């Protein structure tokens, strides 16, 4: 099994598991952003995890931009868009392994 396949598997897991909690919440509350952040930061431990994920998302985007430029990955804007969307919709657990998969696929082909 190649490393990129491990990343692809982790992308699937990192997308499905967060959605298993988010989809029922949206079904019950709708896309209520205010309620989302109120619940996320309703406890200090929730705030801890919320801020950790937000900072990690920014770090991921910065890393993905500079790493894709460094490696001269083709269609870099498309890759970055996919990583941003995955990170925004499902979280770092989705966006990070997606970028690692796309990066490793590029490295394997080089």
PDB file of N, CA and C in Angstrom:
ATOM      1  N   UNK A   1       0.849  -1.184   0.000  1.00  0.00           N
ATOM      2  CA  UNK A   1       0.000   0.000   0.000  1.00  0.00           C
ATOM      3  C   UNK A   1       0.892   1.245   0.000  1.00  0.00           C
ATOM      4  N   UNK A   2       0.574   2.168  -0.857  1.00  0.00           N
ATOM      5  CA  UNK A   2       1.366   3.395  -0.941  1.00  0.00           C
ATOM      6  C   UNK A   2       0.901   4.398   0.107  1.00  0.00           C
ATOM      7  N   UNK A   3       1.818   5.290   0.478  1.00  0.00           N
ATOM      8  CA  UNK A   3       1.514   6.304   1.489  1.00  0.00           C
ATOM      9  C   UNK A   3       0.312   7.151   1.086  1.00  0.00           C
ATOM     10  N   UNK A   4       0.201   7.470  -0.210  1.00  0.00           N
ATOM     11  CA  UNK A   4      -0.918   8.315  -0.630  1.00  0.00           C
ATOM     12  C   UNK A   4      -2.258   7.622  -0.387  1.00  0.00           C
ATOM     13  N   UNK A   5      -2.279   6.290  -0.421  1.00  0.00           N
ATOM     14  CA  UNK A   5      -3.516   5.566  -0.148  1.00  0.00           C
ATOM     15  C   UNK A   5      -3.888   5.662   1.331  1.00  0.00           C
ATOM     16  N   UNK A   6      -2.887   5.674   2.183  1.00  0.00           N
ATOM     17  CA  UNK A   6      -3.138   5.874   3.621  1.00  0.00           C
ATOM     18  C   UNK A   6      -3.749   7.256   3.831  1.00  0.00           C
ATOM     19  N   UNK A   7      -3.178   8.280   3.176  1.00  0.00           N
ATOM     20  CA  UNK A   7      -3.722   9.637   3.290  1.00  0.00           C
ATOM     21  C   UNK A   7      -5.157   9.703   2.771  1.00  0.00           C
ATOM     22  N   UNK A   8      -5.444   9.009   1.685  1.00  0.00           N
ATOM     23  CA  UNK A   8      -6.797   9.000   1.135  1.00  0.00           C
ATOM     24  C   UNK A   8      -7.777   8.356   2.114  1.00  0.00           C
ATOM     25  N   UNK A   9      -7.350   7.269   2.743  1.00  0.00           N
ATOM     26  CA  UNK A   9      -8.179   6.630   3.764  1.00  0.00           C
ATOM     27  C   UNK A   9      -8.425   7.580   4.944  1.00  0.00           C
ATOM     28  N   UNK A  10      -7.362   8.261   5.388  1.00  0.00           N
ATOM     29  CA  UNK A  10      -7.498   9.202   6.505  1.00  0.00           C
ATOM     30  C   UNK A  10      -8.387  10.393   6.132  1.00  0.00           C
ATOM     31  N   UNK A  11      -8.338  10.815   4.871  1.00  0.00           N
ATOM     32  CA  UNK A  11      -9.236  11.864   4.395  1.00  0.00           C
ATOM     33  C   UNK A  11     -10.687  11.412   4.532  1.00  0.00           C
ATOM     34  N   UNK A  12     -10.971  10.164   4.124  1.00  0.00           N
ATOM     35  CA  UNK A  12     -12.340   9.642   4.224  1.00  0.00           C
ATOM     36  C   UNK A  12     -12.799   9.592   5.685  1.00  0.00           C
ATOM     37  N   UNK A  13     -11.950   9.049   6.543  1.00  0.00           N
ATOM     38  CA  UNK A  13     -12.288   8.968   7.968  1.00  0.00           C
ATOM     39  C   UNK A  13     -12.446  10.372   8.558  1.00  0.00           C
ATOM     40  N   UNK A  14     -11.528  11.271   8.207  1.00  0.00           N
ATOM     41  CA  UNK A  14     -11.549  12.631   8.724  1.00  0.00           C
ATOM     42  C   UNK A  14     -12.694  13.467   8.206  1.00  0.00           C
ATOM     43  N   UNK A  15     -13.371  12.995   7.185  1.00  0.00           N
ATOM     44  CA  UNK A  15     -14.556  13.662   6.684  1.00  0.00           C
ATOM     45  C   UNK A  15     -15.825  13.048   7.277  1.00  0.00           C
ATOM     46  N   UNK A  16     -15.884  11.727   7.281  1.00  0.00           N
ATOM     47  CA  UNK A  16     -17.084  11.029   7.743  1.00  0.00           C
ATOM     48  C   UNK A  16     -17.326  11.231   9.240  1.00  0.00           C
ATOM     49  N   UNK A  17     -16.294  11.088  10.056  1.00  0.00           N
ATOM     50  CA  UNK A  17     -16.500  11.192  11.509  1.00  0.00           C
ATOM     51  C   UNK A  17     -17.006  12.571  11.945  1.00  0.00           C
ATOM     52  N   UNK A  18     -16.390  13.677  11.501  1.00  0.00           N
ATOM     53  CA  UNK A  18     -16.962  14.968  11.899  1.00  0.00           C
ATOM     54  C   UNK A  18     -18.391  15.178  11.382  1.00  0.00           C
ATOM     55  N   UNK A  19     -18.653  14.737  10.134  1.00  0.00           N
ATOM     56  CA  UNK A  19     -20.007  14.884   9.588  1.00  0.00           C
ATOM     57  C   UNK A  19     -21.020  14.055  10.361  1.00  0.00           C
ATOM     58  N   UNK A  20     -20.581  12.945  10.980  1.00  0.00           N
ATOM     59  CA  UNK A  20     -21.508  12.122  11.758  1.00  0.00           C
ATOM     60  C   UNK A  20     -22.064  12.893  12.963  1.00  0.00           C
ATOM     61  N   UNK A  21     -21.357  13.926  13.382  1.00  0.00           N
ATOM     62  CA  UNK A  21     -21.835  14.779  14.465  1.00  0.00           C
ATOM     63  C   UNK A  21     -22.481  16.065  13.939  1.00  0.00           C
ATOM     64  N   UNK A  22     -21.944  16.579  12.838  1.00  0.00           N
ATOM     65  CA  UNK A  22     -22.409  17.866  12.309  1.00  0.00           C
ATOM     66  C   UNK A  22     -23.758  17.758  11.606  1.00  0.00           C
ATOM     67  N   UNK A  23     -23.956  16.723  10.808  1.00  0.00           N
ATOM     68  CA  UNK A  23     -25.201  16.587  10.040  1.00  0.00           C
ATOM     69  C   UNK A  23     -26.426  16.504  10.957  1.00  0.00           C
ATOM     70  N   UNK A  24     -26.420  15.683  12.010  1.00  0.00           N
ATOM     71  CA  UNK A  24     -27.583  15.686  12.913  1.00  0.00           C
ATOM     72  C   UNK A  24     -27.794  17.040  13.600  1.00  0.00           C
ATOM     73  N   UNK A  25     -26.692  17.733  13.914  1.00  0.00           N
ATOM     74  CA  UNK A  25     -26.828  19.055  14.530  1.00  0.00           C
ATOM     75  C   UNK A  25     -27.499  20.019  13.563  1.00  0.00           C
ATOM     76  N   UNK A  26     -27.078  20.007  12.296  1.00  0.00           N
ATOM     77  CA  UNK A  26     -27.686  20.882  11.287  1.00  0.00           C
ATOM     78  C   UNK A  26     -29.144  20.498  11.071  1.00  0.00           C
ATOM     79  N   UNK A  27     -29.446  19.205  11.087  1.00  0.00           N
ATOM     80  CA  UNK A  27     -30.836  18.767  10.929  1.00  0.00           C
ATOM     81  C   UNK A  27     -31.710  19.313  12.052  1.00  0.00           C
ATOM     82  N   UNK A  28     -31.156  19.398  13.247  1.00  0.00           N
ATOM     83  CA  UNK A  28     -31.923  19.887  14.397  1.00  0.00           C
ATOM     84  C   UNK A  28     -31.947  21.404  14.494  1.00  0.00           C
ATOM     85  N   UNK A  29     -30.853  22.079  14.074  1.00  0.00           N
ATOM     86  CA  UNK A  29     -30.722  23.524  14.295  1.00  0.00           C
ATOM     87  C   UNK A  29     -30.694  24.361  13.026  1.00  0.00           C
ATOM     88  N   UNK A  30     -30.553  23.721  11.890  1.00  0.00           N
ATOM     89  CA  UNK A  30     -30.371  24.476  10.651  1.00  0.00           C
ATOM     90  C   UNK A  30     -28.959  25.038  10.614  1.00  0.00           C
ATOM     91  N   UNK A  31     -28.687  25.840   9.605  1.00  0.00           N
ATOM     92  CA  UNK A  31     -27.350  26.448   9.487  1.00  0.00           C
ATOM     93  C   UNK A  31     -27.307  27.754  10.284  1.00  0.00           C
ATOM     94  N   UNK A  32     -27.509  27.629  11.580  1.00  0.00           N
ATOM     95  CA  UNK A  32     -27.535  28.767  12.478  1.00  0.00           C
ATOM     96  C   UNK A  32     -26.115  29.002  13.001  1.00  0.00           C
ATOM     97  N   UNK A  33     -25.407  29.925  12.380  1.00  0.00           N
ATOM     98  CA  UNK A  33     -24.004  30.174  12.723  1.00  0.00           C
ATOM     99  C   UNK A  33     -23.872  30.672  14.151  1.00  0.00           C
ATOM    100  N   UNK A  34     -24.765  31.543  14.562  1.00  0.00           N
ATOM    101  CA  UNK A  34     -24.706  32.069  15.934  1.00  0.00           C
ATOM    102  C   UNK A  34     -24.850  30.945  16.951  1.00  0.00           C
ATOM    103  N   UNK A  35     -25.804  30.062  16.725  1.00  0.00           N
ATOM    104  CA  UNK A  35     -26.001  28.929  17.633  1.00  0.00           C
ATOM    105  C   UNK A  35     -24.790  27.991  17.614  1.00  0.00           C
ATOM    106  N   UNK A  36     -24.220  27.792  16.430  1.00  0.00           N
ATOM    107  CA  UNK A  36     -23.039  26.943  16.305  1.00  0.00           C
ATOM    108  C   UNK A  36     -21.915  27.450  17.202  1.00  0.00           C
ATOM    109  N   UNK A  37     -21.583  28.742  17.094  1.00  0.00           N
ATOM    110  CA  UNK A  37     -20.482  29.289  17.888  1.00  0.00           C
ATOM    111  C   UNK A  37     -20.847  29.408  19.363  1.00  0.00           C
ATOM    112  N   UNK A  38     -22.096  29.656  19.660  1.00  0.00           N
ATOM    113  CA  UNK A  38     -22.526  29.698  21.064  1.00  0.00           C
ATOM    114  C   UNK A  38     -22.320  28.338  21.724  1.00  0.00           C
ATOM    115  N   UNK A  39     -22.728  27.286  21.020  1.00  0.00           N
ATOM    116  CA  UNK A  39     -22.545  25.941  21.573  1.00  0.00           C
ATOM    117  C   UNK A  39     -21.070  25.550  21.621  1.00  0.00           C
ATOM    118  N   UNK A  40     -20.324  25.907  20.580  1.00  0.00           N
ATOM    119  CA  UNK A  40     -18.901  25.554  20.537  1.00  0.00           C
ATOM    120  C   UNK A  40     -18.147  26.168  21.713  1.00  0.00           C
ATOM    121  N   UNK A  41     -18.453  27.428  22.030  1.00  0.00           N
ATOM    122  CA  UNK A  41     -17.725  28.130  23.088  1.00  0.00           C
ATOM    123  C   UNK A  41     -18.506  28.205  24.399  1.00  0.00           C
ATOM    124  N   UNK A  42     -19.467  27.292  24.585  1.00  0.00           N
ATOM    125  CA  UNK A  42     -20.268  27.308  25.808  1.00  0.00           C
ATOM    126  C   UNK A  42     -19.487  26.817  27.026  1.00  0.00           C
ATOM    127  N   UNK A  43     -18.399  26.091  26.808  1.00  0.00           N
ATOM    128  CA  UNK A  43     -17.545  25.658  27.914  1.00  0.00           C
ATOM    129  C   UNK A  43     -16.096  25.998  27.572  1.00  0.00           C
ATOM    130  N   UNK A  44     -15.270  26.043  28.571  1.00  0.00           N
ATOM    131  CA  UNK A  44     -13.859  26.343  28.312  1.00  0.00           C
ATOM    132  C   UNK A  44     -13.192  25.241  27.507  1.00  0.00           C
ATOM    133  N   UNK A  45     -13.563  23.995  27.738  1.00  0.00           N
ATOM    134  CA  UNK A  45     -12.950  22.909  26.976  1.00  0.00           C
ATOM    135  C   UNK A  45     -13.430  22.944  25.529  1.00  0.00           C
ATOM    136  N   UNK A  46     -14.673  23.312  25.315  1.00  0.00           N
ATOM    137  CA  UNK A  46     -15.169  23.497  23.948  1.00  0.00           C
ATOM    138  C   UNK A  46     -14.433  24.633  23.257  1.00  0.00           C
ATOM    139  N   UNK A  47     -14.215  25.721  23.988  1.00  0.00           N
ATOM    140  CA  UNK A  47     -13.447  26.842  23.452  1.00  0.00           C
ATOM    141  C   UNK A  47     -12.019  26.451  23.130  1.00  0.00           C
ATOM    142  N   UNK A  48     -11.428  25.630  23.997  1.00  0.00           N
ATOM    143  CA  UNK A  48     -10.076  25.128  23.752  1.00  0.00           C
ATOM    144  C   UNK A  48     -10.007  24.398  22.422  1.00  0.00           C
ATOM    145  N   UNK A  49     -10.928  23.445  22.219  1.00  0.00           N
ATOM    146  CA  UNK A  49     -10.931  22.667  20.976  1.00  0.00           C
ATOM    147  C   UNK A  49     -11.294  23.536  19.776  1.00  0.00           C
ATOM    148  N   UNK A  50     -12.240  24.432  19.959  1.00  0.00           N
ATOM    149  CA  UNK A  50     -12.631  25.311  18.865  1.00  0.00           C
ATOM    150  C   UNK A  50     -11.477  26.181  18.391  1.00  0.00           C
ATOM    151  N   UNK A  51     -10.784  26.813  19.324  1.00  0.00           N
ATOM    152  CA  UNK A  51      -9.648  27.665  18.957  1.00  0.00           C
ATOM    153  C   UNK A  51      -8.498  26.846  18.388  1.00  0.00           C
ATOM    154  N   UNK A  52      -8.272  25.656  18.937  1.00  0.00           N
ATOM    155  CA  UNK A  52      -7.221  24.793  18.423  1.00  0.00           C
ATOM    156  C   UNK A  52      -7.479  24.452  16.954  1.00  0.00           C
ATOM    157  N   UNK A  53      -8.710  24.106  16.635  1.00  0.00           N
ATOM    158  CA  UNK A  53      -9.046  23.746  15.257  1.00  0.00           C
ATOM    159  C   UNK A  53      -8.948  24.964  14.341  1.00  0.00           C
ATOM    160  N   UNK A  54      -9.384  26.117  14.807  1.00  0.00           N
ATOM    161  CA  UNK A  54      -9.318  27.331  13.981  1.00  0.00           C
ATOM    162  C   UNK A  54      -7.872  27.718  13.668  1.00  0.00           C
ATOM    163  N   UNK A  55      -7.012  27.671  14.667  1.00  0.00           N
ATOM    164  CA  UNK A  55      -5.595  27.981  14.435  1.00  0.00           C
ATOM    165  C   UNK A  55      -4.977  26.926  13.528  1.00  0.00           C
ATOM    166  N   UNK A  56      -5.303  25.661  13.760  1.00  0.00           N
ATOM    167  CA  UNK A  56      -4.781  24.588  12.911  1.00  0.00           C
ATOM    168  C   UNK A  56      -5.228  24.757  11.462  1.00  0.00           C
ATOM    169  N   UNK A  57      -6.443  25.228  11.248  1.00  0.00           N
ATOM    170  CA  UNK A  57      -6.944  25.448   9.893  1.00  0.00           C
ATOM    171  C   UNK A  57      -6.145  26.538   9.191  1.00  0.00           C
ATOM    172  N   UNK A  58      -5.828  27.605   9.899  1.00  0.00           N
ATOM    173  CA  UNK A  58      -5.020  28.682   9.316  1.00  0.00           C
ATOM    174  C   UNK A  58      -3.626  28.166   8.989  1.00  0.00           C
ATOM    175  N   UNK A  59      -3.033  27.418   9.906  1.00  0.00           N
ATOM    176  CA  UNK A  59      -1.700  26.842   9.671  1.00  0.00           C
ATOM    177  C   UNK A  59      -1.734  25.916   8.455  1.00  0.00           C
ATOM    178  N   UNK A  60      -2.763  25.099   8.341  1.00  0.00           N
ATOM    179  CA  UNK A  60      -2.891  24.199   7.203  1.00  0.00           C
ATOM    180  C   UNK A  60      -2.956  24.965   5.887  1.00  0.00           C
ATOM    181  N   UNK A  61      -3.759  26.003   5.832  1.00  0.00           N
ATOM    182  CA  UNK A  61      -3.892  26.772   4.594  1.00  0.00           C
ATOM    183  C   UNK A  61      -2.566  27.419   4.223  1.00  0.00           C
ATOM    184  N   UNK A  62      -1.878  28.006   5.196  1.00  0.00           N
ATOM    185  CA  UNK A  62      -0.569  28.629   4.922  1.00  0.00           C
ATOM    186  C   UNK A  62       0.415  27.566   4.435  1.00  0.00           C
ATOM    187  N   UNK A  63       0.463  26.426   5.106  1.00  0.00           N
ATOM    188  CA  UNK A  63       1.346  25.336   4.694  1.00  0.00           C
ATOM    189  C   UNK A  63       1.022  24.864   3.288  1.00  0.00           C
ATOM    190  N   UNK A  64      -0.258  24.663   3.004  1.00  0.00           N
ATOM    191  CA  UNK A  64      -0.669  24.172   1.691  1.00  0.00           C
ATOM    192  C   UNK A  64      -0.291  25.152   0.587  1.00  0.00           C
ATOM    193  N   UNK A  65      -0.457  26.448   0.835  1.00  0.00           N
ATOM    194  CA  UNK A  65      -0.100  27.452  -0.173  1.00  0.00           C
ATOM    195  C   UNK A  65       1.392  27.391  -0.473  1.00  0.00           C
ATOM    196  N   UNK A  66       2.201  27.454   0.556  1.00  0.00           N
ATOM    197  CA  UNK A  66       3.642  27.512   0.338  1.00  0.00           C
ATOM    198  C   UNK A  66       4.224  26.174  -0.131  1.00  0.00           C
ATOM    199  N   UNK A  67       3.697  25.079   0.352  1.00  0.00           N
ATOM    200  CA  UNK A  67       4.194  23.766  -0.067  1.00  0.00           C
ATOM    201  C   UNK A  67       3.824  23.486  -1.524  1.00  0.00           C
ATOM    202  N   UNK A  68       2.622  23.852  -1.922  1.00  0.00           N
ATOM    203  CA  UNK A  68       2.238  23.629  -3.318  1.00  0.00           C
ATOM    204  C   UNK A  68       3.054  24.512  -4.256  1.00  0.00           C
ATOM    205  N   UNK A  69       3.408  25.720  -3.824  1.00  0.00           N
ATOM    206  CA  UNK A  69       4.284  26.575  -4.644  1.00  0.00           C
ATOM    207  C   UNK A  69       5.695  26.000  -4.684  1.00  0.00           C
ATOM    208  N   UNK A  70       6.196  25.539  -3.539  1.00  0.00           N
ATOM    209  CA  UNK A  70       7.550  24.991  -3.472  1.00  0.00           C
ATOM    210  C   UNK A  70       7.697  23.776  -4.373  1.00  0.00           C
ATOM    211  N   UNK A  71       6.688  22.928  -4.378  1.00  0.00           N
ATOM    212  CA  UNK A  71       6.736  21.711  -5.186  1.00  0.00           C
ATOM    213  C   UNK A  71       6.276  21.939  -6.621  1.00  0.00           C
ATOM    214  N   UNK A  72       5.844  23.165  -6.905  1.00  0.00           N
ATOM    215  CA  UNK A  72       5.340  23.490  -8.248  1.00  0.00           C
ATOM    216  C   UNK A  72       4.266  22.492  -8.689  1.00  0.00           C
ATOM    217  N   UNK A  73       3.280  22.311  -7.798  1.00  0.00           N
ATOM    218  CA  UNK A  73       2.201  21.379  -8.083  1.00  0.00           C
ATOM    219  C   UNK A  73       1.299  21.961  -9.166  1.00  0.00           C
ATOM    220  N   UNK A  74       0.976  21.172 -10.198  1.00  0.00           N
ATOM    221  CA  UNK A  74       0.097  21.678 -11.252  1.00  0.00           C
ATOM    222  C   UNK A  74      -1.312  21.913 -10.702  1.00  0.00           C
ATOM    223  N   UNK A  75      -2.001  22.892 -11.270  1.00  0.00           N
ATOM    224  CA  UNK A  75      -3.359  23.253 -10.830  1.00  0.00           C
ATOM    225  C   UNK A  75      -3.379  23.554  -9.343  1.00  0.00           C
ATOM    226  N   UNK A  76      -2.362  24.269  -8.885  1.00  0.00           N
ATOM    227  CA  UNK A  76      -2.242  24.596  -7.463  1.00  0.00           C
ATOM    228  C   UNK A  76      -3.459  25.298  -6.908  1.00  0.00           C
ATOM    229  N   UNK A  77      -4.056  26.191  -7.683  1.00  0.00           N
ATOM    230  CA  UNK A  77      -5.244  26.913  -7.202  1.00  0.00           C
ATOM    231  C   UNK A  77      -6.410  25.960  -6.987  1.00  0.00           C
ATOM    232  N   UNK A  78      -6.524  24.943  -7.846  1.00  0.00           N
ATOM    233  CA  UNK A  78      -7.596  23.966  -7.700  1.00  0.00           C
ATOM    234  C   UNK A  78      -7.375  23.105  -6.455  1.00  0.00           C
ATOM    235  N   UNK A  79      -6.138  22.708  -6.242  1.00  0.00           N
ATOM    236  CA  UNK A  79      -5.783  21.931  -5.048  1.00  0.00           C
ATOM    237  C   UNK A  79      -6.078  22.740  -3.795  1.00  0.00           C
ATOM    238  N   UNK A  80      -5.652  23.992  -3.795  1.00  0.00           N
ATOM    239  CA  UNK A  80      -5.866  24.839  -2.617  1.00  0.00           C
ATOM    240  C   UNK A  80      -7.350  25.079  -2.370  1.00  0.00           C
ATOM    241  N   UNK A  81      -8.117  25.216  -3.435  1.00  0.00           N
ATOM    242  CA  UNK A  81      -9.564  25.388  -3.279  1.00  0.00           C
ATOM    243  C   UNK A  81     -10.180  24.142  -2.649  1.00  0.00           C
ATOM    244  N   UNK A  82      -9.789  22.967  -3.123  1.00  0.00           N
ATOM    245  CA  UNK A  82     -10.322  21.717  -2.573  1.00  0.00           C
ATOM    246  C   UNK A  82      -9.953  21.569  -1.099  1.00  0.00           C
ATOM    247  N   UNK A  83      -8.709  21.895  -0.764  1.00  0.00           N
ATOM    248  CA  UNK A  83      -8.258  21.794   0.631  1.00  0.00           C
ATOM    249  C   UNK A  83      -9.013  22.789   1.500  1.00  0.00           C
ATOM    250  N   UNK A  84      -9.189  24.018   1.001  1.00  0.00           N
ATOM    251  CA  UNK A  84      -9.919  25.032   1.769  1.00  0.00           C
ATOM    252  C   UNK A  84     -11.358  24.590   2.006  1.00  0.00           C
ATOM    253  N   UNK A  85     -12.023  24.094   0.969  1.00  0.00           N
ATOM    254  CA  UNK A  85     -13.423  23.669   1.095  1.00  0.00           C
ATOM    255  C   UNK A  85     -13.538  22.495   2.071  1.00  0.00           C
ATOM    256  N   UNK A  86     -12.655  21.510   1.941  1.00  0.00           N
ATOM    257  CA  UNK A  86     -12.688  20.360   2.857  1.00  0.00           C
ATOM    258  C   UNK A  86     -12.456  20.802   4.294  1.00  0.00           C
ATOM    259  N   UNK A  87     -11.516  21.730   4.484  1.00  0.00           N
ATOM    260  CA  UNK A  87     -11.220  22.221   5.830  1.00  0.00           C
ATOM    261  C   UNK A  87     -12.387  23.016   6.391  1.00  0.00           C
ATOM    262  N   UNK A  88     -12.991  23.867   5.564  1.00  0.00           N
ATOM    263  CA  UNK A  88     -14.110  24.701   6.017  1.00  0.00           C
ATOM    264  C   UNK A  88     -15.348  23.863   6.311  1.00  0.00           C
ATOM    265  N   UNK A  89     -15.617  22.850   5.490  1.00  0.00           N
ATOM    266  CA  UNK A  89     -16.833  22.057   5.665  1.00  0.00           C
ATOM    267  C   UNK A  89     -16.707  20.952   6.702  1.00  0.00           C
ATOM    268  N   UNK A  90     -15.566  20.264   6.736  1.00  0.00           N
ATOM    269  CA  UNK A  90     -15.442  19.116   7.639  1.00  0.00           C
ATOM    270  C   UNK A  90     -14.367  19.306   8.696  1.00  0.00           C
ATOM    271  N   UNK A  91     -13.416  20.220   8.471  1.00  0.00           N
ATOM    272  CA  UNK A  91     -12.389  20.481   9.463  1.00  0.00           C
ATOM    273  C   UNK A  91     -11.003  20.073   9.000  1.00  0.00           C
ATOM    274  N   UNK A  92     -10.050  20.343   9.857  1.00  0.00           N
ATOM    275  CA  UNK A  92      -8.649  20.025   9.577  1.00  0.00           C
ATOM    276  C   UNK A  92      -8.470  18.522   9.372  1.00  0.00           C
ATOM    277  N   UNK A  93      -9.285  17.731  10.040  1.00  0.00           N
ATOM    278  CA  UNK A  93      -9.185  16.273   9.900  1.00  0.00           C
ATOM    279  C   UNK A  93      -9.531  15.812   8.495  1.00  0.00           C
ATOM    280  N   UNK A  94     -10.150  16.648   7.719  1.00  0.00           N
ATOM    281  CA  UNK A  94     -10.458  16.350   6.322  1.00  0.00           C
ATOM    282  C   UNK A  94      -9.474  17.043   5.380  1.00  0.00           C
ATOM    283  N   UNK A  95      -9.273  18.342   5.594  1.00  0.00           N
ATOM    284  CA  UNK A  95      -8.423  19.126   4.698  1.00  0.00           C
ATOM    285  C   UNK A  95      -6.964  18.727   4.717  1.00  0.00           C
ATOM    286  N   UNK A  96      -6.435  18.400   5.888  1.00  0.00           N
ATOM    287  CA  UNK A  96      -5.008  18.071   5.991  1.00  0.00           C
ATOM    288  C   UNK A  96      -4.667  16.765   5.274  1.00  0.00           C
ATOM    289  N   UNK A  97      -5.380  15.658   5.536  1.00  0.00           N
ATOM    290  CA  UNK A  97      -5.034  14.447   4.790  1.00  0.00           C
ATOM    291  C   UNK A  97      -5.328  14.576   3.292  1.00  0.00           C
ATOM    292  N   UNK A  98      -6.308  15.409   2.915  1.00  0.00           N
ATOM    293  CA  UNK A  98      -6.545  15.636   1.489  1.00  0.00           C
ATOM    294  C   UNK A  98      -5.332  16.295   0.856  1.00  0.00           C
ATOM    295  N   UNK A  99      -4.800  17.333   1.504  1.00  0.00           N
ATOM    296  CA  UNK A  99      -3.613  17.982   0.952  1.00  0.00           C
ATOM    297  C   UNK A  99      -2.435  17.014   0.922  1.00  0.00           C
ATOM    298  N   UNK A 100      -2.240  16.237   1.992  1.00  0.00           N
ATOM    299  CA  UNK A 100      -1.136  15.280   2.015  1.00  0.00           C
ATOM    300  C   UNK A 100      -1.282  14.241   0.907  1.00  0.00           C
ATOM    301  N   UNK A 101      -2.502  13.816   0.636  1.00  0.00           N
ATOM    302  CA  UNK A 101      -2.733  12.877  -0.459  1.00  0.00           C
ATOM    303  C   UNK A 101      -2.346  13.502  -1.799  1.00  0.00           C
ATOM    304  N   UNK A 102      -2.842  14.720  -2.056  1.00  0.00           N
ATOM    305  CA  UNK A 102      -2.547  15.385  -3.326  1.00  0.00           C
ATOM    306  C   UNK A 102      -1.059  15.680  -3.463  1.00  0.00           C
ATOM    307  N   UNK A 103      -0.441  16.048  -2.368  1.00  0.00           N
ATOM    308  CA  UNK A 103       1.006  16.320  -2.363  1.00  0.00           C
ATOM    309  C   UNK A 103       1.785  15.040  -2.650  1.00  0.00           C
ATOM    310  N   UNK A 104       1.418  13.946  -1.985  1.00  0.00           N
ATOM    311  CA  UNK A 104       2.125  12.680  -2.180  1.00  0.00           C
ATOM    312  C   UNK A 104       1.902  12.140  -3.585  1.00  0.00           C
ATOM    313  N   UNK A 105       0.726  12.340  -4.118  1.00  0.00           N
ATOM    314  CA  UNK A 105       0.457  11.917  -5.494  1.00  0.00           C
ATOM    315  C   UNK A 105       1.376  12.670  -6.459  1.00  0.00           C
ATOM    316  N   UNK A 106       1.565  13.964  -6.233  1.00  0.00           N
ATOM    317  CA  UNK A 106       2.468  14.769  -7.050  1.00  0.00           C
ATOM    318  C   UNK A 106       3.912  14.271  -6.907  1.00  0.00           C
ATOM    319  N   UNK A 107       4.325  13.998  -5.677  1.00  0.00           N
ATOM    320  CA  UNK A 107       5.691  13.515  -5.426  1.00  0.00           C
ATOM    321  C   UNK A 107       5.902  12.152  -6.089  1.00  0.00           C
ATOM    322  N   UNK A 108       4.916  11.267  -5.981  1.00  0.00           N
ATOM    323  CA  UNK A 108       5.034   9.932  -6.584  1.00  0.00           C
ATOM    324  C   UNK A 108       5.173  10.005  -8.103  1.00  0.00           C
ATOM    325  N   UNK A 109       4.530  10.970  -8.717  1.00  0.00           N
ATOM    326  CA  UNK A 109       4.582  11.101 -10.178  1.00  0.00           C
ATOM    327  C   UNK A 109       5.848  11.805 -10.640  1.00  0.00           C
ATOM    328  N   UNK A 110       6.508  12.513  -9.749  1.00  0.00           N
ATOM    329  CA  UNK A 110       7.721  13.254 -10.130  1.00  0.00           C
ATOM    330  C   UNK A 110       8.923  12.342 -10.226  1.00  0.00           C
TER     331      UNK A 110
END
